Amino acid sequence: MLLSTTSTLEGRKIQYLGIVTGEAILGANIFRDFFAKITDVVGGRSGAYESELRKAKDMAMGEMSDQAKQMGANAVIGIDLDYETIQMGSGGGMLMVSVSGTAVIAS
């Protein structure tokens, strides 16, 4: 499955099949949240959050790719990724990634 953020694929004829989407929501561990806040205060990167974001992105992209395959597509173009945090009570939170694109047959 070819995945692209562009709206065309150079040198390929495109047959449009429709919009496909994928979503992933992951809980963020309260201890990881605490240590991430410390990292943010003293500087540096939060490896725990980066790992969770990467995992959520991969899950959402996989869901979108599966949906495109079911439609008979061999590519998804015009991909848009959105990241959100959802704050829950008592300091907890969720990470949400949504992705959308256009399923196509590229020949």
N, C-alpha and C. Protein backbone atom coordinates (compact mmCIF):
# COMPACT_ATOMS: atom_id res chain seq x y z
N MET A 1 0.86 -1.18 0.00
CA MET A 1 0.00 0.00 0.00
C MET A 1 0.90 1.23 0.00
N LEU A 2 0.73 2.06 -1.01
CA LEU A 2 1.47 3.32 -1.11
C LEU A 2 0.70 4.38 -0.34
N LEU A 3 1.37 5.08 0.56
CA LEU A 3 0.75 6.11 1.39
C LEU A 3 1.44 7.43 1.11
N SER A 4 0.66 8.48 0.83
CA SER A 4 1.26 9.77 0.47
C SER A 4 0.42 10.93 0.99
N THR A 5 1.11 11.99 1.40
CA THR A 5 0.40 13.21 1.80
C THR A 5 0.07 14.08 0.59
N THR A 6 0.65 13.76 -0.56
CA THR A 6 0.37 14.55 -1.76
C THR A 6 -0.97 14.15 -2.37
N SER A 7 -1.52 15.01 -3.21
CA SER A 7 -2.82 14.73 -3.82
C SER A 7 -2.69 14.02 -5.16
N THR A 8 -1.48 13.83 -5.64
CA THR A 8 -1.23 13.11 -6.89
C THR A 8 -0.02 12.20 -6.70
N LEU A 9 0.12 11.26 -7.62
CA LEU A 9 1.30 10.40 -7.65
C LEU A 9 1.93 10.58 -9.02
N GLU A 10 3.08 11.19 -9.06
CA GLU A 10 3.72 11.56 -10.32
C GLU A 10 3.84 10.36 -11.26
N GLY A 11 3.38 10.56 -12.49
CA GLY A 11 3.50 9.54 -13.52
C GLY A 11 2.49 8.40 -13.42
N ARG A 12 1.52 8.52 -12.53
CA ARG A 12 0.52 7.45 -12.36
C ARG A 12 -0.88 7.98 -12.62
N LYS A 13 -1.67 7.13 -13.26
CA LYS A 13 -3.08 7.44 -13.47
C LYS A 13 -3.82 7.05 -12.19
N ILE A 14 -4.73 7.92 -11.74
CA ILE A 14 -5.43 7.72 -10.47
C ILE A 14 -6.92 7.46 -10.71
N GLN A 15 -7.42 6.39 -10.08
CA GLN A 15 -8.87 6.13 -10.04
C GLN A 15 -9.29 6.29 -8.58
N TYR A 16 -10.14 7.25 -8.32
CA TYR A 16 -10.55 7.57 -6.95
C TYR A 16 -11.64 6.61 -6.48
N LEU A 17 -11.47 6.10 -5.24
CA LEU A 17 -12.44 5.16 -4.68
C LEU A 17 -13.25 5.77 -3.54
N GLY A 18 -12.66 6.67 -2.77
CA GLY A 18 -13.39 7.29 -1.67
C GLY A 18 -12.51 7.61 -0.48
N ILE A 19 -13.11 8.26 0.48
CA ILE A 19 -12.41 8.68 1.70
C ILE A 19 -12.24 7.49 2.65
N VAL A 20 -11.07 7.41 3.26
CA VAL A 20 -10.80 6.39 4.27
C VAL A 20 -10.25 7.09 5.52
N THR A 21 -10.51 6.50 6.68
CA THR A 21 -10.09 7.10 7.94
C THR A 21 -9.54 6.05 8.89
N GLY A 22 -8.86 6.51 9.89
CA GLY A 22 -8.38 5.66 10.96
C GLY A 22 -8.25 6.50 12.22
N GLU A 23 -8.52 5.88 13.36
CA GLU A 23 -8.43 6.58 14.64
C GLU A 23 -7.76 5.68 15.66
N ALA A 24 -7.08 6.32 16.60
CA ALA A 24 -6.49 5.57 17.71
C ALA A 24 -6.51 6.48 18.94
N ILE A 25 -6.96 5.94 20.05
CA ILE A 25 -6.96 6.67 21.32
C ILE A 25 -6.25 5.78 22.33
N LEU A 26 -5.21 6.33 22.93
CA LEU A 26 -4.43 5.58 23.91
C LEU A 26 -4.41 6.32 25.23
N GLY A 27 -4.52 5.59 26.32
CA GLY A 27 -4.41 6.18 27.65
C GLY A 27 -2.95 6.47 27.96
N ALA A 28 -2.72 7.57 28.61
CA ALA A 28 -1.36 7.92 29.04
C ALA A 28 -1.23 7.59 30.52
N ASN A 29 -0.24 6.82 30.86
CA ASN A 29 0.01 6.38 32.23
C ASN A 29 0.32 7.58 33.13
N ILE A 30 -0.27 7.60 34.32
CA ILE A 30 -0.10 8.74 35.23
C ILE A 30 1.35 8.93 35.65
N PHE A 31 2.12 7.84 35.85
CA PHE A 31 3.53 7.99 36.23
C PHE A 31 4.35 8.51 35.06
N ARG A 32 4.04 8.03 33.87
CA ARG A 32 4.73 8.51 32.68
C ARG A 32 4.41 9.99 32.50
N ASP A 33 3.14 10.40 32.74
CA ASP A 33 2.77 11.81 32.65
C ASP A 33 3.60 12.65 33.62
N PHE A 34 3.76 12.14 34.84
CA PHE A 34 4.52 12.87 35.85
C PHE A 34 5.96 13.08 35.41
N PHE A 35 6.61 12.00 34.94
CA PHE A 35 8.01 12.11 34.53
C PHE A 35 8.15 12.93 33.25
N ALA A 36 7.16 12.90 32.39
CA ALA A 36 7.20 13.72 31.18
C ALA A 36 7.15 15.20 31.56
N LYS A 37 6.35 15.54 32.58
CA LYS A 37 6.28 16.93 33.03
C LYS A 37 7.62 17.37 33.59
N ILE A 38 8.30 16.50 34.32
CA ILE A 38 9.63 16.82 34.84
C ILE A 38 10.59 17.06 33.69
N THR A 39 10.56 16.20 32.68
CA THR A 39 11.42 16.37 31.51
C THR A 39 11.13 17.70 30.84
N ASP A 40 9.85 18.07 30.73
CA ASP A 40 9.49 19.34 30.12
C ASP A 40 10.04 20.52 30.91
N VAL A 41 10.06 20.40 32.25
CA VAL A 41 10.55 21.49 33.10
C VAL A 41 12.06 21.64 32.96
N VAL A 42 12.81 20.53 32.99
CA VAL A 42 14.27 20.60 32.96
C VAL A 42 14.81 20.60 31.54
N GLY A 43 13.95 20.42 30.57
CA GLY A 43 14.38 20.44 29.17
C GLY A 43 14.57 19.04 28.64
N GLY A 44 14.69 18.93 27.35
CA GLY A 44 14.88 17.63 26.73
C GLY A 44 13.61 17.13 26.10
N ARG A 45 13.70 15.92 25.62
CA ARG A 45 12.57 15.31 24.92
C ARG A 45 11.92 14.28 25.83
N SER A 46 10.61 14.13 25.65
CA SER A 46 9.87 13.14 26.42
C SER A 46 9.73 11.87 25.59
N GLY A 47 10.65 10.94 25.79
CA GLY A 47 10.65 9.68 25.05
C GLY A 47 9.38 8.88 25.23
N ALA A 48 8.79 8.94 26.42
CA ALA A 48 7.56 8.19 26.68
C ALA A 48 6.43 8.69 25.80
N TYR A 49 6.27 10.01 25.72
CA TYR A 49 5.21 10.56 24.88
C TYR A 49 5.48 10.32 23.40
N GLU A 50 6.74 10.46 23.00
CA GLU A 50 7.08 10.22 21.60
C GLU A 50 6.73 8.79 21.19
N SER A 51 7.02 7.86 22.07
CA SER A 51 6.72 6.45 21.80
C SER A 51 5.22 6.22 21.69
N GLU A 52 4.45 6.82 22.58
CA GLU A 52 2.99 6.66 22.55
C GLU A 52 2.40 7.30 21.31
N LEU A 53 2.90 8.48 20.94
CA LEU A 53 2.40 9.13 19.73
C LEU A 53 2.70 8.30 18.49
N ARG A 54 3.90 7.74 18.43
CA ARG A 54 4.29 6.90 17.29
C ARG A 54 3.39 5.67 17.21
N LYS A 55 3.12 5.06 18.37
CA LYS A 55 2.27 3.87 18.40
C LYS A 55 0.85 4.21 17.94
N ALA A 56 0.31 5.32 18.43
CA ALA A 56 -1.04 5.73 18.03
C ALA A 56 -1.11 6.06 16.54
N LYS A 57 -0.08 6.73 16.02
CA LYS A 57 -0.04 7.05 14.59
C LYS A 57 -0.01 5.78 13.75
N ASP A 58 0.82 4.82 14.15
CA ASP A 58 0.91 3.56 13.41
C ASP A 58 -0.41 2.80 13.43
N MET A 59 -1.10 2.81 14.57
CA MET A 59 -2.40 2.14 14.67
C MET A 59 -3.43 2.80 13.75
N ALA A 60 -3.49 4.13 13.77
CA ALA A 60 -4.46 4.86 12.94
C ALA A 60 -4.16 4.66 11.45
N MET A 61 -2.87 4.73 11.08
CA MET A 61 -2.49 4.53 9.68
C MET A 61 -2.82 3.11 9.23
N GLY A 62 -2.59 2.14 10.10
CA GLY A 62 -2.91 0.75 9.78
C GLY A 62 -4.39 0.54 9.56
N GLU A 63 -5.21 1.15 10.41
CA GLU A 63 -6.67 1.06 10.27
C GLU A 63 -7.12 1.68 8.96
N MET A 64 -6.55 2.83 8.61
CA MET A 64 -6.91 3.49 7.36
C MET A 64 -6.48 2.64 6.16
N SER A 65 -5.28 2.07 6.21
CA SER A 65 -4.78 1.22 5.12
C SER A 65 -5.66 -0.02 4.94
N ASP A 66 -6.07 -0.63 6.04
CA ASP A 66 -6.95 -1.80 5.98
C ASP A 66 -8.28 -1.44 5.32
N GLN A 67 -8.83 -0.28 5.66
CA GLN A 67 -10.09 0.16 5.07
C GLN A 67 -9.90 0.36 3.56
N ALA A 68 -8.77 0.94 3.16
CA ALA A 68 -8.50 1.17 1.73
C ALA A 68 -8.36 -0.16 0.99
N LYS A 69 -7.68 -1.13 1.60
CA LYS A 69 -7.53 -2.46 0.97
C LYS A 69 -8.88 -3.11 0.74
N GLN A 70 -9.79 -2.98 1.72
CA GLN A 70 -11.13 -3.55 1.58
C GLN A 70 -11.90 -2.93 0.43
N MET A 71 -11.54 -1.71 0.06
CA MET A 71 -12.19 -1.03 -1.06
C MET A 71 -11.52 -1.39 -2.39
N GLY A 72 -10.40 -2.12 -2.34
CA GLY A 72 -9.68 -2.49 -3.55
C GLY A 72 -8.58 -1.53 -3.94
N ALA A 73 -8.21 -0.63 -3.05
CA ALA A 73 -7.19 0.38 -3.34
C ALA A 73 -5.78 -0.21 -3.21
N ASN A 74 -4.85 0.40 -3.92
CA ASN A 74 -3.44 0.05 -3.73
C ASN A 74 -2.63 1.26 -3.25
N ALA A 75 -3.34 2.38 -2.98
CA ALA A 75 -2.68 3.58 -2.47
C ALA A 75 -3.70 4.46 -1.74
N VAL A 76 -3.18 5.30 -0.86
CA VAL A 76 -3.99 6.34 -0.21
C VAL A 76 -3.23 7.64 -0.39
N ILE A 77 -3.91 8.65 -0.93
CA ILE A 77 -3.28 9.94 -1.17
C ILE A 77 -3.97 11.02 -0.35
N GLY A 78 -3.31 12.19 -0.27
CA GLY A 78 -3.89 13.32 0.46
C GLY A 78 -4.05 13.05 1.94
N ILE A 79 -3.12 12.29 2.52
CA ILE A 79 -3.24 11.90 3.93
C ILE A 79 -3.04 13.11 4.84
N ASP A 80 -3.93 13.22 5.83
CA ASP A 80 -3.86 14.28 6.84
C ASP A 80 -3.89 13.62 8.21
N LEU A 81 -2.91 13.96 9.05
CA LEU A 81 -2.82 13.45 10.42
C LEU A 81 -3.17 14.56 11.41
N ASP A 82 -3.97 14.22 12.41
CA ASP A 82 -4.30 15.16 13.47
C ASP A 82 -4.02 14.50 14.82
N TYR A 83 -3.38 15.26 15.71
CA TYR A 83 -3.06 14.80 17.06
C TYR A 83 -3.81 15.65 18.07
N GLU A 84 -4.36 15.01 19.09
CA GLU A 84 -5.07 15.72 20.15
C GLU A 84 -4.77 15.07 21.49
N THR A 85 -4.84 15.85 22.55
CA THR A 85 -4.80 15.28 23.89
C THR A 85 -6.14 15.56 24.53
N ILE A 86 -6.63 14.58 25.26
CA ILE A 86 -7.89 14.71 25.96
C ILE A 86 -7.57 14.61 27.44
N GLN A 87 -7.84 15.66 28.19
CA GLN A 87 -7.55 15.66 29.62
C GLN A 87 -8.69 15.02 30.38
N MET A 88 -8.35 14.10 31.25
CA MET A 88 -9.34 13.42 32.08
C MET A 88 -9.18 13.95 33.51
N GLY A 89 -10.09 13.61 34.38
CA GLY A 89 -10.01 14.02 35.77
C GLY A 89 -8.78 13.44 36.46
N SER A 90 -8.38 14.03 37.56
CA SER A 90 -7.26 13.62 38.41
C SER A 90 -5.93 13.54 37.65
N GLY A 91 -5.74 14.41 36.67
CA GLY A 91 -4.43 14.51 36.02
C GLY A 91 -4.15 13.53 34.91
N GLY A 92 -5.04 12.59 34.67
CA GLY A 92 -4.82 11.62 33.60
C GLY A 92 -5.19 12.20 32.25
N GLY A 93 -4.83 11.51 31.20
CA GLY A 93 -5.16 12.01 29.88
C GLY A 93 -5.13 10.90 28.84
N MET A 94 -5.59 11.23 27.67
CA MET A 94 -5.61 10.31 26.55
C MET A 94 -4.94 10.99 25.37
N LEU A 95 -4.31 10.18 24.53
CA LEU A 95 -3.72 10.65 23.29
C LEU A 95 -4.61 10.17 22.15
N MET A 96 -4.98 11.07 21.25
CA MET A 96 -5.83 10.69 20.14
C MET A 96 -5.16 11.10 18.83
N VAL A 97 -5.15 10.15 17.89
CA VAL A 97 -4.65 10.42 16.56
C VAL A 97 -5.75 10.04 15.56
N SER A 98 -6.05 10.95 14.66
CA SER A 98 -6.99 10.63 13.60
C SER A 98 -6.28 10.91 12.27
N VAL A 99 -6.57 10.07 11.29
CA VAL A 99 -5.94 10.18 9.99
C VAL A 99 -7.01 9.97 8.92
N SER A 100 -6.90 10.73 7.84
CA SER A 100 -7.83 10.54 6.73
C SER A 100 -7.09 10.72 5.42
N GLY A 101 -7.65 10.15 4.38
CA GLY A 101 -7.06 10.25 3.06
C GLY A 101 -8.04 9.76 2.01
N THR A 102 -7.59 9.71 0.77
CA THR A 102 -8.42 9.24 -0.33
C THR A 102 -7.86 7.93 -0.86
N ALA A 103 -8.67 6.88 -0.81
CA ALA A 103 -8.28 5.58 -1.34
C ALA A 103 -8.33 5.63 -2.86
N VAL A 104 -7.27 5.14 -3.51
CA VAL A 104 -7.19 5.19 -4.96
C VAL A 104 -6.57 3.89 -5.51
N ILE A 105 -6.81 3.69 -6.79
CA ILE A 105 -6.06 2.69 -7.54
C ILE A 105 -5.10 3.47 -8.42
N ALA A 106 -3.82 3.29 -8.19
CA ALA A 106 -2.79 4.01 -8.94
C ALA A 106 -2.15 3.04 -9.93
N SER A 107 -2.20 3.39 -11.21
CA SER A 107 -1.61 2.51 -12.21
C SER A 107 -0.64 3.28 -13.10
